[in-house]
């Protein structure tokens, strides 16, 4: 089996980050978001990883290299024109002849028993298995896609960004496809609304053609990195998951009188004064010269992003 990660998008709603950082390289406890996904697929025995790049693709390649240090082999494929997820997957056809585990590179996943997706595919000879989550938040479903199941457990319909969801089953941007997906991609039309090729339309074509499509309830937590404050949410969640109060990079310099709580400090960053820093993220190579305390901020070398109105002190 092979894994593919889509990392080509511009992330226009992520400004000011998107002008300098591709979303999949944004730091989560001082590791690129993509690294978590690579480690996740490596844990189930996948060592061949394709990464589709586009906007600032050289930054993605610079962050991950050839994958050797992560125990995998990475190959980069460029999506010259950003025409949606199905179009990006279509670029992979020359490199894929076995089941393909597909991940969207701007989502932080926490998964349970990822191998169960492959077990489901084998047991049902499925063309696709969709990772899903029982989502209590209707707004989260409206931002993703929902799945309608038949009495036999097969997927009957997928609905992209539904206005009124009739089920709490949310698709989470993690898919397992048989190579027949490429036949469906060639027949996937552009959408009128976004002028893109949607992967949900491709999945519906598989279903309508009679190919078995199933779900696998393997997502315990996920966050689509859409807005700048989502990067802080993700870091604070991971801190809690690791059971750590703070994460400070080895090359960071912190004033001995400074107090840190629920904070991540990147490589080469510095805090110059004895201030309190809480519930915050300090990017690499960022010098904090403020003499005032910092709470619920993202600080970079060029920007200060105030997240106080958007994120509670608990962080998630």
Protein backbone atom coordinates (compact mmCIF):
# COMPACT_ATOMS: atom_id res chain seq x y z
CA UNK A 1 0.00 0.00 0.00
CA UNK A 2 1.08 3.53 -0.70
CA UNK A 3 0.15 6.82 1.01
CA UNK A 4 -0.42 10.19 -0.59
CA UNK A 5 -0.71 13.57 1.12
CA UNK A 6 -2.19 16.59 -0.62
CA UNK A 7 -0.19 19.72 0.21
CA UNK A 8 -0.72 22.01 -2.76
CA UNK A 9 -3.33 24.53 -1.60
CA UNK A 10 -2.77 28.24 -1.06
CA UNK A 11 -4.70 28.55 2.19
CA UNK A 12 -5.90 32.07 1.48
CA UNK A 13 -7.87 32.22 4.76
CA UNK A 14 -4.60 31.58 6.63
CA UNK A 15 -3.10 34.99 5.98
CA UNK A 16 -0.60 36.16 7.11
CA UNK A 17 0.83 32.61 7.31
CA UNK A 18 -0.03 31.64 3.74
CA UNK A 19 2.37 34.17 2.22
CA UNK A 20 5.35 32.41 3.84
CA UNK A 21 4.27 28.95 5.06
CA UNK A 22 2.32 26.23 3.27
CA UNK A 23 -0.36 25.09 5.71
CA UNK A 24 1.01 21.52 5.91
CA UNK A 25 4.36 22.81 7.21
CA UNK A 26 2.94 24.90 10.04
CA UNK A 27 4.42 23.85 13.40
CA UNK A 28 2.58 21.67 15.92
CA UNK A 29 4.71 21.33 19.05
CA UNK A 30 7.74 22.12 16.90
CA UNK A 31 7.07 19.51 14.21
CA UNK A 32 5.55 20.24 10.79
CA UNK A 33 1.91 19.18 10.56
CA UNK A 34 2.85 16.85 7.69
CA UNK A 35 5.31 14.98 9.88
CA UNK A 36 2.50 13.75 12.12
CA UNK A 37 0.72 12.33 9.09
CA UNK A 38 3.87 10.63 7.84
CA UNK A 39 4.52 9.10 11.25
CA UNK A 40 0.90 7.93 11.36
CA UNK A 41 1.11 6.03 8.07
CA UNK A 42 4.56 4.66 8.90
CA UNK A 43 3.12 3.11 12.07
CA UNK A 44 0.88 0.88 9.95
CA UNK A 45 3.76 -0.19 7.73
CA UNK A 46 3.54 2.27 4.83
CA UNK A 47 6.96 3.51 3.76
CA UNK A 48 6.16 4.89 0.29
CA UNK A 49 4.69 8.41 0.44
CA UNK A 50 3.66 10.67 -2.41
CA UNK A 51 3.19 14.36 -1.62
CA UNK A 52 1.32 16.59 -4.05
CA UNK A 53 2.76 20.11 -3.89
CA UNK A 54 1.85 23.44 -5.45
CA UNK A 55 1.86 26.74 -3.53
CA UNK A 56 5.30 27.19 -1.91
CA UNK A 57 6.04 23.56 -2.73
CA UNK A 58 9.76 24.08 -2.23
CA UNK A 59 9.06 24.84 1.43
CA UNK A 60 7.32 21.47 1.82
CA UNK A 61 10.26 19.68 0.20
CA UNK A 62 12.72 21.64 2.34
CA UNK A 63 10.87 20.71 5.55
CA UNK A 64 10.69 16.96 4.84
CA UNK A 65 13.47 16.18 2.37
CA UNK A 66 13.44 12.69 0.91
CA UNK A 67 11.82 11.25 4.03
CA UNK A 68 14.81 9.15 5.03
CA UNK A 69 15.04 10.73 8.49
CA UNK A 70 11.38 9.80 9.05
CA UNK A 71 11.77 6.20 7.92
CA UNK A 72 9.92 6.59 4.61
CA UNK A 73 10.63 7.40 0.98
CA UNK A 74 8.98 10.60 -0.25
CA UNK A 75 8.29 11.48 -3.85
CA UNK A 76 6.94 14.93 -4.75
CA UNK A 77 4.38 15.46 -7.52
CA UNK A 78 3.44 18.98 -8.58
CA UNK A 79 -0.15 20.01 -9.18
CA UNK A 80 0.46 22.75 -11.72
CA UNK A 81 -3.10 24.12 -11.56
CA UNK A 82 -5.09 24.02 -8.32
CA UNK A 83 -8.35 22.47 -9.49
CA UNK A 84 -9.53 20.60 -6.43
CA UNK A 85 -8.88 17.37 -4.56
CA UNK A 86 -10.02 14.98 -7.28
CA UNK A 87 -7.75 16.70 -9.78
CA UNK A 88 -4.83 16.42 -7.35
CA UNK A 89 -5.46 12.71 -6.85
CA UNK A 90 -5.61 12.26 -10.60
CA UNK A 91 -1.98 13.41 -10.83
CA UNK A 92 -1.01 10.28 -8.87
CA UNK A 93 -2.28 7.67 -11.32
CA UNK A 94 1.12 6.95 -12.97
CA UNK A 95 2.57 6.11 -9.54
CA UNK A 96 -0.21 3.98 -8.06
CA UNK A 97 -1.11 0.36 -8.79
CA UNK A 98 -2.21 -0.75 -5.31
CA UNK A 99 -4.56 0.62 -2.63
CA UNK A 100 -3.92 4.28 -1.89
CA UNK A 101 -4.27 5.84 1.55
CA UNK A 102 -5.05 9.51 0.91
CA UNK A 103 -4.70 12.28 3.50
CA UNK A 104 -5.45 15.98 3.23
CA UNK A 105 -2.29 17.73 4.38
CA UNK A 106 -3.96 20.59 6.25
CA UNK A 107 -5.77 18.43 8.82
CA UNK A 108 -4.44 17.27 12.18
CA UNK A 109 -5.77 13.76 12.83
CA UNK A 110 -5.82 11.59 15.91
CA UNK A 111 -6.76 8.09 14.79
CA UNK A 112 -7.76 4.82 16.40
CA UNK A 113 -6.82 1.53 14.73
CA UNK A 114 -6.05 2.86 11.25
CA UNK A 115 -5.44 -0.71 10.10
CA UNK A 116 -9.19 -1.30 10.36
CA UNK A 117 -9.58 0.69 7.13
CA UNK A 118 -7.53 -1.86 5.23
CA UNK A 119 -9.37 -4.69 6.98
CA UNK A 120 -12.69 -3.21 5.87
CA UNK A 121 -11.49 -2.87 2.28
CA UNK A 122 -10.34 -6.50 2.22
CA UNK A 123 -13.42 -7.90 3.93
CA UNK A 124 -15.87 -6.18 1.57
CA UNK A 125 -13.71 -5.92 -1.56
CA UNK A 126 -14.45 -2.22 -1.36
CA UNK A 127 -13.47 0.41 -3.89
CA UNK A 128 -13.17 2.98 -1.12
CA UNK A 129 -13.22 3.25 2.65
CA UNK A 130 -13.89 6.68 4.17
CA UNK A 131 -12.53 7.61 7.59
CA UNK A 132 -15.37 9.16 9.57
CA UNK A 133 -16.20 10.57 12.95
CA UNK A 134 -19.46 10.83 14.86
CA UNK A 135 -19.57 14.61 15.02
CA UNK A 136 -21.78 16.37 17.61
CA UNK A 137 -21.13 19.85 16.15
CA UNK A 138 -23.40 20.55 13.12
CA UNK A 139 -21.14 23.44 12.06
CA UNK A 140 -18.17 21.07 11.78
CA UNK A 141 -20.23 18.82 9.50
CA UNK A 142 -21.22 21.79 7.34
CA UNK A 143 -17.53 22.59 6.84
CA UNK A 144 -16.73 19.05 5.65
CA UNK A 145 -18.95 16.38 4.14
CA UNK A 146 -21.53 14.01 5.50
CA UNK A 147 -22.17 10.37 4.71
CA UNK A 148 -25.51 8.57 4.37
CA UNK A 149 -25.43 4.81 4.98
CA UNK A 150 -27.74 2.06 3.78
CA UNK A 151 -29.11 -0.69 5.99
CA UNK A 152 -26.26 -2.95 4.84
CA UNK A 153 -23.63 -0.46 6.06
CA UNK A 154 -22.60 0.62 2.57
CA UNK A 155 -22.33 4.30 1.76
CA UNK A 156 -25.28 5.43 -0.36
CA UNK A 157 -24.53 9.11 -0.65
CA UNK A 158 -21.86 11.68 0.21
CA UNK A 159 -22.81 15.33 0.49
CA UNK A 160 -20.20 18.05 0.33
CA UNK A 161 -20.67 20.88 2.86
CA UNK A 162 -24.35 20.17 3.54
CA UNK A 163 -26.60 23.04 4.60
CA UNK A 164 -28.79 20.71 6.65
CA UNK A 165 -27.09 17.51 7.72
CA UNK A 166 -29.46 14.62 8.46
CA UNK A 167 -26.75 12.48 10.05
CA UNK A 168 -23.86 13.08 12.43
CA UNK A 169 -21.40 11.03 10.35
CA UNK A 170 -18.70 13.43 9.21
CA UNK A 171 -16.08 12.67 6.58
CA UNK A 172 -12.65 13.68 7.82
CA UNK A 173 -10.29 14.03 4.87
CA UNK A 174 -8.73 10.56 5.16
CA UNK A 175 -9.57 7.96 2.52
CA UNK A 176 -8.51 4.52 1.31
CA UNK A 177 -9.03 4.00 -2.42
CA UNK A 178 -8.68 1.09 -4.78
CA UNK A 179 -7.08 2.10 -8.14
CA UNK A 180 -10.58 2.11 -9.70
CA UNK A 181 -10.85 5.61 -8.24
CA UNK A 182 -8.87 6.90 -11.21
CA UNK A 183 -11.60 5.76 -13.64
CA UNK A 184 -14.13 7.74 -11.58
CA UNK A 185 -11.86 10.80 -11.47
CA UNK A 186 -11.77 10.92 -15.26
CA UNK A 187 -15.57 11.18 -15.22
CA UNK A 188 -15.78 13.73 -12.39
CA UNK A 189 -17.22 17.07 -13.59
CA UNK A 190 -16.12 20.48 -12.44
CA UNK A 191 -18.44 22.01 -9.87
CA UNK A 192 -20.31 25.15 -10.78
CA UNK A 193 -19.79 26.73 -7.36
CA UNK A 194 -16.02 26.42 -6.92
CA UNK A 195 -14.95 25.46 -10.46
CA UNK A 196 -13.05 22.49 -9.02
CA UNK A 197 -13.14 18.71 -9.18
CA UNK A 198 -14.53 17.50 -5.85
CA UNK A 199 -13.46 14.14 -4.42
CA UNK A 200 -16.97 13.69 -3.01
CA UNK A 201 -18.32 13.74 -6.59
CA UNK A 202 -15.76 11.09 -7.47
CA UNK A 203 -16.86 8.94 -4.54
CA UNK A 204 -20.51 9.32 -5.56
CA UNK A 205 -19.62 8.12 -9.07
CA UNK A 206 -18.06 4.99 -7.54
CA UNK A 207 -21.24 4.43 -5.52
CA UNK A 208 -23.56 5.01 -8.49
CA UNK A 209 -21.51 2.57 -10.56
CA UNK A 210 -22.18 -0.10 -7.96
CA UNK A 211 -18.74 -0.22 -6.39
CA UNK A 212 -18.84 -0.95 -2.64
CA UNK A 213 -17.92 2.07 -0.51
CA UNK A 214 -17.76 1.76 3.28
CA UNK A 215 -16.86 3.89 6.28
CA UNK A 216 -14.42 3.27 9.11
CA UNK A 217 -14.94 5.03 12.43
CA UNK A 218 -11.24 5.66 13.10
CA UNK A 219 -11.05 9.40 13.84
CA UNK A 220 -11.09 10.35 17.50
CA UNK A 221 -10.14 14.02 16.99
CA UNK A 222 -9.46 16.19 13.97
CA UNK A 223 -8.94 19.83 13.18
CA UNK A 224 -8.89 21.33 9.72
CA UNK A 225 -6.32 24.14 9.81
CA UNK A 226 -8.41 26.85 8.15
CA UNK A 227 -7.72 30.04 10.09
CA UNK A 228 -4.60 31.29 11.94
CA UNK A 229 -6.12 30.60 15.37
CA UNK A 230 -6.51 26.94 14.39
CA UNK A 231 -2.73 26.59 14.54
CA UNK A 232 -2.79 27.64 18.20
CA UNK A 233 -5.75 25.34 18.94
CA UNK A 234 -3.85 22.44 17.44
CA UNK A 235 -0.70 23.15 19.44
CA UNK A 236 -2.60 23.47 22.70
CA UNK A 237 -4.47 20.24 22.03
CA UNK A 238 -1.23 18.39 21.29
CA UNK A 239 0.37 19.78 24.45
CA UNK A 240 -2.51 18.36 26.46
CA UNK A 241 -2.31 15.07 24.60
CA UNK A 242 1.41 14.80 25.35
CA UNK A 243 0.79 15.64 29.00
CA UNK A 244 3.25 18.54 28.82
CA UNK A 245 2.93 22.01 30.26
CA UNK A 246 5.16 23.54 27.57
CA UNK A 247 7.49 22.57 24.73
CA UNK A 248 10.66 24.61 24.25
CA UNK A 249 13.06 23.96 21.36
CA UNK A 250 16.67 23.21 22.26
CA UNK A 251 17.97 26.32 20.51
CA UNK A 252 15.38 28.67 22.02
CA UNK A 253 16.53 31.21 24.61
CA UNK A 254 14.18 31.99 27.48
CA UNK A 255 14.90 34.64 30.13
CA UNK A 256 15.49 32.84 33.43
CA UNK A 257 12.78 34.95 35.07
CA UNK A 258 10.16 34.19 32.43
CA UNK A 259 7.18 31.99 33.30
CA UNK A 260 5.78 29.57 30.70
CA UNK A 261 2.50 27.70 30.78
CA UNK A 262 0.70 25.93 27.96
CA UNK A 263 3.17 27.37 25.47
CA UNK A 264 5.26 26.18 22.52
CA UNK A 265 8.50 27.97 21.63
CA UNK A 266 10.21 27.22 18.33
CA UNK A 267 13.83 26.80 17.29
CA UNK A 268 15.94 29.93 17.58
CA UNK A 269 13.18 31.93 19.28
CA UNK A 270 13.92 34.08 22.32
CA UNK A 271 12.10 35.72 25.22
CA UNK A 272 14.14 38.68 26.37
CA UNK A 273 12.34 39.73 29.58
CA UNK A 274 10.93 38.08 32.73
CA UNK A 275 7.35 37.95 31.45
CA UNK A 276 4.57 35.38 31.72
CA UNK A 277 3.71 33.55 28.48
CA UNK A 278 0.57 31.38 28.56
CA UNK A 279 -1.56 29.53 25.99
CA UNK A 280 0.65 30.80 23.17
CA UNK A 281 2.75 29.74 20.21
CA UNK A 282 6.06 31.38 19.35
CA UNK A 283 7.32 30.55 15.89
CA UNK A 284 10.97 29.72 15.12
CA UNK A 285 13.43 32.62 14.93
CA UNK A 286 11.02 34.98 16.69
CA UNK A 287 12.40 37.42 19.22
CA UNK A 288 9.92 38.46 21.92
CA UNK A 289 11.03 41.85 23.23
CA UNK A 290 7.78 42.80 24.96
CA UNK A 291 7.84 43.61 28.66
CA UNK A 292 4.13 42.78 28.93
CA UNK A 293 2.71 39.33 29.60
CA UNK A 294 1.50 37.28 26.64
CA UNK A 295 -1.66 35.16 26.66
CA UNK A 296 -3.36 33.42 23.70
CA UNK A 297 -1.12 34.90 21.02
CA UNK A 298 0.71 33.51 18.02
CA UNK A 299 3.98 35.38 17.59
CA UNK A 300 6.10 35.17 14.47
CA UNK A 301 9.10 37.19 13.36
CA UNK A 302 6.73 39.42 11.37
CA UNK A 303 3.31 39.25 13.03
CA UNK A 304 1.43 39.16 16.32
CA UNK A 305 -1.89 37.33 16.05
CA UNK A 306 -4.29 37.95 18.92
CA UNK A 307 -6.42 34.85 19.58
CA UNK A 308 -7.88 35.95 22.92
CA UNK A 309 -11.43 36.42 21.65
CA UNK A 310 -11.39 33.15 19.72
CA UNK A 311 -9.75 30.66 22.05
CA UNK A 312 -10.65 29.99 25.66
CA UNK A 313 -7.88 29.72 28.23
CA UNK A 314 -8.30 25.93 28.21
CA UNK A 315 -6.83 26.05 24.73
CA UNK A 316 -9.07 23.75 22.69
